[in-house]
Amino acid sequence: MELSILIARIISVIYVSTGIAVIIGTVDFNRIVDGLKTSPALTFIAGATAIIGGIFLIEYHNLWVKNWTVLITIISWFLLIGGIVVLIFPKFLSYYNQLLKNSRLLGSFILIFGLIMGYFGFII
């Protein structure tokens, strides 16, 4: 459980900061995706980093249980699968722009999820 709390704290800080940055406009996911599409090196680094993070988290936190810690496991698998997709099929990045049209709404969801993980990581 200590590892779950540590990971929840890390996810919380990242998601809360990112959510706020997206809402106030200092982070624009559409520009990030456009940068990835135009830079094969950056696409490779992003995909490889996601795979490394996903494998690391899956190796140490692959817990399919009926409590909040399963959220970390789900994030881990999405990270791994997303990294593989970006490396093998970088053209799929074009579809992300369509998903990211309403950045403030996405930022709100990221912020809320970060606050939920913060609750589990810092309060419980």
N, C-alpha and C. Protein backbone atom coordinates (compact mmCIF):
# COMPACT_ATOMS: atom_id res chain seq x y z
N MET A 1 0.82 -1.20 0.00
CA MET A 1 0.00 0.00 0.00
C MET A 1 0.86 1.26 0.00
N GLU A 2 2.06 1.17 0.59
CA GLU A 2 2.94 2.35 0.60
C GLU A 2 3.35 2.76 -0.80
N LEU A 3 3.61 1.78 -1.67
CA LEU A 3 3.96 2.08 -3.06
C LEU A 3 2.79 2.74 -3.77
N SER A 4 1.58 2.25 -3.53
CA SER A 4 0.38 2.83 -4.14
C SER A 4 0.22 4.29 -3.73
N ILE A 5 0.47 4.58 -2.47
CA ILE A 5 0.34 5.95 -1.98
C ILE A 5 1.39 6.85 -2.62
N LEU A 6 2.62 6.36 -2.73
CA LEU A 6 3.68 7.14 -3.38
C LEU A 6 3.34 7.44 -4.83
N ILE A 7 2.91 6.42 -5.56
CA ILE A 7 2.55 6.61 -6.97
C ILE A 7 1.36 7.55 -7.10
N ALA A 8 0.37 7.42 -6.21
CA ALA A 8 -0.79 8.31 -6.23
C ALA A 8 -0.37 9.75 -6.00
N ARG A 9 0.58 9.96 -5.11
CA ARG A 9 1.07 11.32 -4.86
C ARG A 9 1.76 11.90 -6.09
N ILE A 10 2.59 11.08 -6.74
CA ILE A 10 3.29 11.54 -7.94
C ILE A 10 2.28 11.87 -9.05
N ILE A 11 1.35 10.95 -9.29
CA ILE A 11 0.32 11.17 -10.31
C ILE A 11 -0.48 12.42 -9.98
N SER A 12 -0.81 12.59 -8.71
CA SER A 12 -1.60 13.75 -8.30
C SER A 12 -0.90 15.06 -8.63
N VAL A 13 0.35 15.17 -8.26
CA VAL A 13 1.08 16.42 -8.50
C VAL A 13 1.18 16.70 -10.00
N ILE A 14 1.48 15.66 -10.77
CA ILE A 14 1.59 15.84 -12.22
C ILE A 14 0.25 16.24 -12.83
N TYR A 15 -0.82 15.52 -12.46
CA TYR A 15 -2.13 15.78 -13.06
C TYR A 15 -2.72 17.12 -12.61
N VAL A 16 -2.57 17.46 -11.34
CA VAL A 16 -3.11 18.75 -10.86
C VAL A 16 -2.39 19.89 -11.56
N SER A 17 -1.04 19.83 -11.62
CA SER A 17 -0.31 20.91 -12.29
C SER A 17 -0.65 20.99 -13.76
N THR A 18 -0.74 19.83 -14.42
CA THR A 18 -1.07 19.82 -15.85
C THR A 18 -2.48 20.33 -16.07
N GLY A 19 -3.42 19.88 -15.26
CA GLY A 19 -4.81 20.34 -15.40
C GLY A 19 -4.93 21.84 -15.27
N ILE A 20 -4.28 22.40 -14.27
CA ILE A 20 -4.31 23.86 -14.08
C ILE A 20 -3.65 24.56 -15.26
N ALA A 21 -2.50 24.04 -15.71
CA ALA A 21 -1.80 24.66 -16.84
C ALA A 21 -2.64 24.62 -18.12
N VAL A 22 -3.37 23.54 -18.34
CA VAL A 22 -4.24 23.45 -19.52
C VAL A 22 -5.40 24.44 -19.38
N ILE A 23 -5.99 24.51 -18.21
CA ILE A 23 -7.14 25.40 -18.00
C ILE A 23 -6.75 26.86 -18.19
N ILE A 24 -5.59 27.27 -17.67
CA ILE A 24 -5.19 28.68 -17.80
C ILE A 24 -4.50 28.97 -19.13
N GLY A 25 -4.21 27.92 -19.91
CA GLY A 25 -3.72 28.12 -21.26
C GLY A 25 -2.22 28.09 -21.43
N THR A 26 -1.46 27.74 -20.41
CA THR A 26 -0.01 27.69 -20.58
C THR A 26 0.46 26.38 -21.21
N VAL A 27 -0.38 25.36 -21.20
CA VAL A 27 -0.09 24.10 -21.88
C VAL A 27 -1.15 23.89 -22.94
N ASP A 28 -0.72 23.67 -24.17
CA ASP A 28 -1.64 23.43 -25.29
C ASP A 28 -1.32 22.06 -25.89
N PHE A 29 -2.16 21.08 -25.59
CA PHE A 29 -1.92 19.72 -26.06
C PHE A 29 -1.90 19.64 -27.58
N ASN A 30 -2.69 20.46 -28.25
CA ASN A 30 -2.68 20.44 -29.72
C ASN A 30 -1.31 20.81 -30.27
N ARG A 31 -0.68 21.81 -29.68
CA ARG A 31 0.67 22.19 -30.12
C ARG A 31 1.68 21.10 -29.79
N ILE A 32 1.50 20.44 -28.65
CA ILE A 32 2.40 19.34 -28.28
C ILE A 32 2.29 18.22 -29.29
N VAL A 33 1.07 17.84 -29.63
CA VAL A 33 0.86 16.76 -30.61
C VAL A 33 1.40 17.19 -31.97
N ASP A 34 1.19 18.44 -32.35
CA ASP A 34 1.75 18.92 -33.63
C ASP A 34 3.28 18.83 -33.62
N GLY A 35 3.90 19.16 -32.50
CA GLY A 35 5.35 19.04 -32.38
C GLY A 35 5.81 17.59 -32.49
N LEU A 36 5.04 16.68 -31.90
CA LEU A 36 5.38 15.26 -32.00
C LEU A 36 5.26 14.78 -33.44
N LYS A 37 4.24 15.25 -34.14
CA LYS A 37 4.03 14.81 -35.52
C LYS A 37 5.14 15.28 -36.45
N THR A 38 5.74 16.41 -36.15
CA THR A 38 6.77 16.95 -37.04
C THR A 38 8.18 16.55 -36.64
N SER A 39 8.35 15.90 -35.50
CA SER A 39 9.68 15.51 -35.05
C SER A 39 9.73 14.01 -34.75
N PRO A 40 10.26 13.23 -35.69
CA PRO A 40 10.38 11.78 -35.45
C PRO A 40 11.20 11.45 -34.20
N ALA A 41 12.23 12.24 -33.91
CA ALA A 41 13.06 11.99 -32.73
C ALA A 41 12.25 12.19 -31.46
N LEU A 42 11.49 13.28 -31.42
CA LEU A 42 10.66 13.55 -30.24
C LEU A 42 9.56 12.51 -30.09
N THR A 43 9.00 12.07 -31.21
CA THR A 43 7.99 11.01 -31.16
C THR A 43 8.58 9.74 -30.59
N PHE A 44 9.79 9.39 -31.03
CA PHE A 44 10.45 8.19 -30.51
C PHE A 44 10.72 8.32 -29.01
N ILE A 45 11.24 9.47 -28.59
CA ILE A 45 11.54 9.68 -27.17
C ILE A 45 10.27 9.60 -26.33
N ALA A 46 9.19 10.22 -26.79
CA ALA A 46 7.93 10.18 -26.05
C ALA A 46 7.39 8.76 -25.95
N GLY A 47 7.41 8.02 -27.06
CA GLY A 47 6.93 6.65 -27.06
C GLY A 47 7.78 5.75 -26.17
N ALA A 48 9.09 5.87 -26.29
CA ALA A 48 9.99 5.04 -25.49
C ALA A 48 9.86 5.35 -24.00
N THR A 49 9.73 6.64 -23.67
CA THR A 49 9.56 7.02 -22.27
C THR A 49 8.26 6.47 -21.71
N ALA A 50 7.19 6.53 -22.49
CA ALA A 50 5.91 5.97 -22.04
C ALA A 50 6.01 4.46 -21.83
N ILE A 51 6.71 3.78 -22.73
CA ILE A 51 6.88 2.33 -22.58
C ILE A 51 7.69 2.02 -21.32
N ILE A 52 8.76 2.74 -21.10
CA ILE A 52 9.58 2.51 -19.90
C ILE A 52 8.76 2.75 -18.64
N GLY A 53 8.05 3.88 -18.60
CA GLY A 53 7.21 4.16 -17.42
C GLY A 53 6.12 3.13 -17.23
N GLY A 54 5.49 2.73 -18.32
CA GLY A 54 4.43 1.72 -18.24
C GLY A 54 4.94 0.39 -17.73
N ILE A 55 6.06 -0.06 -18.29
CA ILE A 55 6.63 -1.34 -17.85
C ILE A 55 7.05 -1.27 -16.38
N PHE A 56 7.68 -0.18 -16.00
CA PHE A 56 8.11 0.00 -14.62
C PHE A 56 6.91 -0.10 -13.67
N LEU A 57 5.86 0.65 -13.99
CA LEU A 57 4.68 0.64 -13.11
C LEU A 57 3.98 -0.72 -13.12
N ILE A 58 3.89 -1.36 -14.27
CA ILE A 58 3.25 -2.67 -14.34
C ILE A 58 4.06 -3.70 -13.55
N GLU A 59 5.38 -3.62 -13.66
CA GLU A 59 6.24 -4.58 -12.95
C GLU A 59 6.06 -4.47 -11.43
N TYR A 60 5.95 -3.26 -10.93
CA TYR A 60 5.89 -3.07 -9.49
C TYR A 60 4.50 -2.81 -8.94
N HIS A 61 3.52 -2.58 -9.82
CA HIS A 61 2.19 -2.26 -9.32
C HIS A 61 1.11 -2.81 -10.25
N ASN A 62 1.14 -4.08 -10.53
CA ASN A 62 0.12 -4.71 -11.38
C ASN A 62 -0.91 -5.38 -10.47
N LEU A 63 -1.69 -4.56 -9.78
CA LEU A 63 -2.63 -5.05 -8.78
C LEU A 63 -4.07 -4.89 -9.28
N TRP A 64 -4.70 -6.01 -9.59
CA TRP A 64 -6.09 -5.98 -10.05
C TRP A 64 -6.97 -6.30 -8.84
N VAL A 65 -7.22 -5.28 -8.04
CA VAL A 65 -7.98 -5.42 -6.80
C VAL A 65 -9.22 -4.54 -6.88
N LYS A 66 -10.10 -4.71 -5.91
CA LYS A 66 -11.35 -3.95 -5.90
C LYS A 66 -11.26 -2.74 -4.97
N ASN A 67 -10.22 -1.92 -5.18
CA ASN A 67 -10.14 -0.65 -4.47
C ASN A 67 -9.46 0.38 -5.38
N TRP A 68 -9.17 1.54 -4.86
CA TRP A 68 -8.68 2.65 -5.68
C TRP A 68 -7.33 2.37 -6.33
N THR A 69 -6.54 1.45 -5.78
CA THR A 69 -5.21 1.21 -6.34
C THR A 69 -5.26 0.62 -7.75
N VAL A 70 -6.39 0.06 -8.14
CA VAL A 70 -6.51 -0.46 -9.51
C VAL A 70 -6.42 0.68 -10.53
N LEU A 71 -6.72 1.91 -10.13
CA LEU A 71 -6.58 3.06 -11.03
C LEU A 71 -5.13 3.21 -11.49
N ILE A 72 -4.20 2.97 -10.59
CA ILE A 72 -2.78 3.06 -10.94
C ILE A 72 -2.42 1.97 -11.95
N THR A 73 -2.95 0.78 -11.75
CA THR A 73 -2.69 -0.32 -12.68
C THR A 73 -3.26 0.00 -14.06
N ILE A 74 -4.45 0.56 -14.10
CA ILE A 74 -5.08 0.92 -15.38
C ILE A 74 -4.26 2.00 -16.09
N ILE A 75 -3.82 3.02 -15.35
CA ILE A 75 -2.98 4.07 -15.93
C ILE A 75 -1.69 3.46 -16.47
N SER A 76 -1.13 2.51 -15.74
CA SER A 76 0.11 1.86 -16.16
C SER A 76 -0.05 1.16 -17.50
N TRP A 77 -1.14 0.42 -17.65
CA TRP A 77 -1.38 -0.30 -18.91
C TRP A 77 -1.66 0.66 -20.05
N PHE A 78 -2.40 1.75 -19.79
CA PHE A 78 -2.64 2.75 -20.83
C PHE A 78 -1.32 3.40 -21.26
N LEU A 79 -0.44 3.65 -20.30
CA LEU A 79 0.85 4.25 -20.60
C LEU A 79 1.66 3.33 -21.50
N LEU A 80 1.73 2.06 -21.16
CA LEU A 80 2.48 1.09 -21.97
C LEU A 80 1.88 0.96 -23.37
N ILE A 81 0.58 0.77 -23.46
CA ILE A 81 -0.08 0.59 -24.76
C ILE A 81 0.05 1.87 -25.59
N GLY A 82 -0.14 3.02 -24.96
CA GLY A 82 -0.01 4.29 -25.68
C GLY A 82 1.39 4.49 -26.23
N GLY A 83 2.40 4.14 -25.44
CA GLY A 83 3.78 4.25 -25.91
C GLY A 83 4.06 3.35 -27.09
N ILE A 84 3.54 2.12 -27.03
CA ILE A 84 3.72 1.19 -28.15
C ILE A 84 3.04 1.71 -29.41
N VAL A 85 1.82 2.21 -29.25
CA VAL A 85 1.08 2.75 -30.40
C VAL A 85 1.83 3.93 -31.02
N VAL A 86 2.35 4.82 -30.19
CA VAL A 86 3.07 5.99 -30.71
C VAL A 86 4.32 5.56 -31.47
N LEU A 87 5.03 4.54 -30.97
CA LEU A 87 6.25 4.09 -31.66
C LEU A 87 5.94 3.36 -32.96
N ILE A 88 4.95 2.48 -32.93
CA ILE A 88 4.67 1.66 -34.12
C ILE A 88 3.82 2.41 -35.14
N PHE A 89 2.86 3.18 -34.67
CA PHE A 89 1.93 3.89 -35.56
C PHE A 89 1.91 5.39 -35.26
N PRO A 90 2.99 6.11 -35.55
CA PRO A 90 3.01 7.54 -35.22
C PRO A 90 1.93 8.35 -35.95
N LYS A 91 1.38 7.81 -37.02
CA LYS A 91 0.30 8.51 -37.74
C LYS A 91 -0.96 8.65 -36.88
N PHE A 92 -1.11 7.80 -35.88
CA PHE A 92 -2.26 7.89 -34.99
C PHE A 92 -2.27 9.18 -34.19
N LEU A 93 -1.14 9.88 -34.14
CA LEU A 93 -1.10 11.15 -33.44
C LEU A 93 -2.08 12.16 -34.03
N SER A 94 -2.39 12.01 -35.31
CA SER A 94 -3.35 12.92 -35.95
C SER A 94 -4.72 12.80 -35.31
N TYR A 95 -5.07 11.63 -34.83
CA TYR A 95 -6.38 11.43 -34.19
C TYR A 95 -6.45 12.11 -32.82
N TYR A 96 -5.30 12.29 -32.18
CA TYR A 96 -5.31 12.95 -30.88
C TYR A 96 -5.77 14.39 -30.99
N ASN A 97 -5.45 15.08 -32.08
CA ASN A 97 -5.88 16.46 -32.24
C ASN A 97 -7.40 16.57 -32.20
N GLN A 98 -8.08 15.58 -32.77
CA GLN A 98 -9.55 15.60 -32.74
C GLN A 98 -10.07 15.41 -31.32
N LEU A 99 -9.39 14.60 -30.54
CA LEU A 99 -9.81 14.37 -29.15
C LEU A 99 -9.52 15.57 -28.26
N LEU A 100 -8.59 16.41 -28.67
CA LEU A 100 -8.13 17.51 -27.83
C LEU A 100 -8.73 18.85 -28.21
N LYS A 101 -9.82 18.85 -28.95
CA LYS A 101 -10.40 20.12 -29.42
C LYS A 101 -10.83 21.02 -28.27
N ASN A 102 -11.45 20.46 -27.24
CA ASN A 102 -11.89 21.26 -26.11
C ASN A 102 -10.89 21.10 -24.97
N SER A 103 -9.82 21.89 -25.03
CA SER A 103 -8.72 21.75 -24.08
C SER A 103 -9.14 22.04 -22.64
N ARG A 104 -9.98 23.03 -22.45
CA ARG A 104 -10.37 23.38 -21.07
C ARG A 104 -11.18 22.28 -20.41
N LEU A 105 -12.02 21.63 -21.17
CA LEU A 105 -12.78 20.50 -20.63
C LEU A 105 -11.83 19.37 -20.27
N LEU A 106 -10.88 19.08 -21.16
CA LEU A 106 -9.88 18.06 -20.88
C LEU A 106 -9.06 18.44 -19.65
N GLY A 107 -8.66 19.69 -19.57
CA GLY A 107 -7.91 20.17 -18.40
C GLY A 107 -8.69 20.00 -17.12
N SER A 108 -10.00 20.22 -17.18
CA SER A 108 -10.85 20.04 -16.00
C SER A 108 -10.88 18.59 -15.57
N PHE A 109 -10.99 17.67 -16.53
CA PHE A 109 -10.99 16.25 -16.20
C PHE A 109 -9.64 15.83 -15.61
N ILE A 110 -8.56 16.34 -16.18
CA ILE A 110 -7.23 16.02 -15.67
C ILE A 110 -7.08 16.53 -14.24
N LEU A 111 -7.53 17.75 -14.00
CA LEU A 111 -7.46 18.34 -12.67
C LEU A 111 -8.28 17.53 -11.67
N ILE A 112 -9.50 17.18 -12.03
CA ILE A 112 -10.36 16.40 -11.13
C ILE A 112 -9.73 15.05 -10.81
N PHE A 113 -9.21 14.37 -11.83
CA PHE A 113 -8.57 13.08 -11.60
C PHE A 113 -7.34 13.25 -10.70
N GLY A 114 -6.59 14.32 -10.92
CA GLY A 114 -5.43 14.60 -10.06
C GLY A 114 -5.83 14.84 -8.62
N LEU A 115 -6.93 15.54 -8.42
CA LEU A 115 -7.43 15.77 -7.06
C LEU A 115 -7.89 14.48 -6.41
N ILE A 116 -8.52 13.61 -7.19
CA ILE A 116 -8.94 12.30 -6.66
C ILE A 116 -7.72 11.50 -6.23
N MET A 117 -6.70 11.45 -7.10
CA MET A 117 -5.49 10.72 -6.74
C MET A 117 -4.79 11.38 -5.55
N GLY A 118 -4.85 12.69 -5.46
CA GLY A 118 -4.29 13.40 -4.31
C GLY A 118 -5.00 13.04 -3.03
N TYR A 119 -6.30 12.87 -3.12
CA TYR A 119 -7.08 12.45 -1.95
C TYR A 119 -6.58 11.10 -1.45
N PHE A 120 -6.41 10.16 -2.39
CA PHE A 120 -5.94 8.83 -2.00
C PHE A 120 -4.48 8.85 -1.56
N GLY A 121 -3.68 9.69 -2.17
CA GLY A 121 -2.25 9.71 -1.87
C GLY A 121 -1.87 10.52 -0.64
N PHE A 122 -2.58 11.63 -0.40
CA PHE A 122 -2.18 12.52 0.68
C PHE A 122 -3.12 12.48 1.89
N ILE A 123 -4.38 12.17 1.67
CA ILE A 123 -5.35 12.29 2.76
C ILE A 123 -5.68 10.96 3.42
N ILE A 124 -5.92 9.94 2.62
CA ILE A 124 -6.30 8.64 3.20
C ILE A 124 -5.12 7.97 3.82
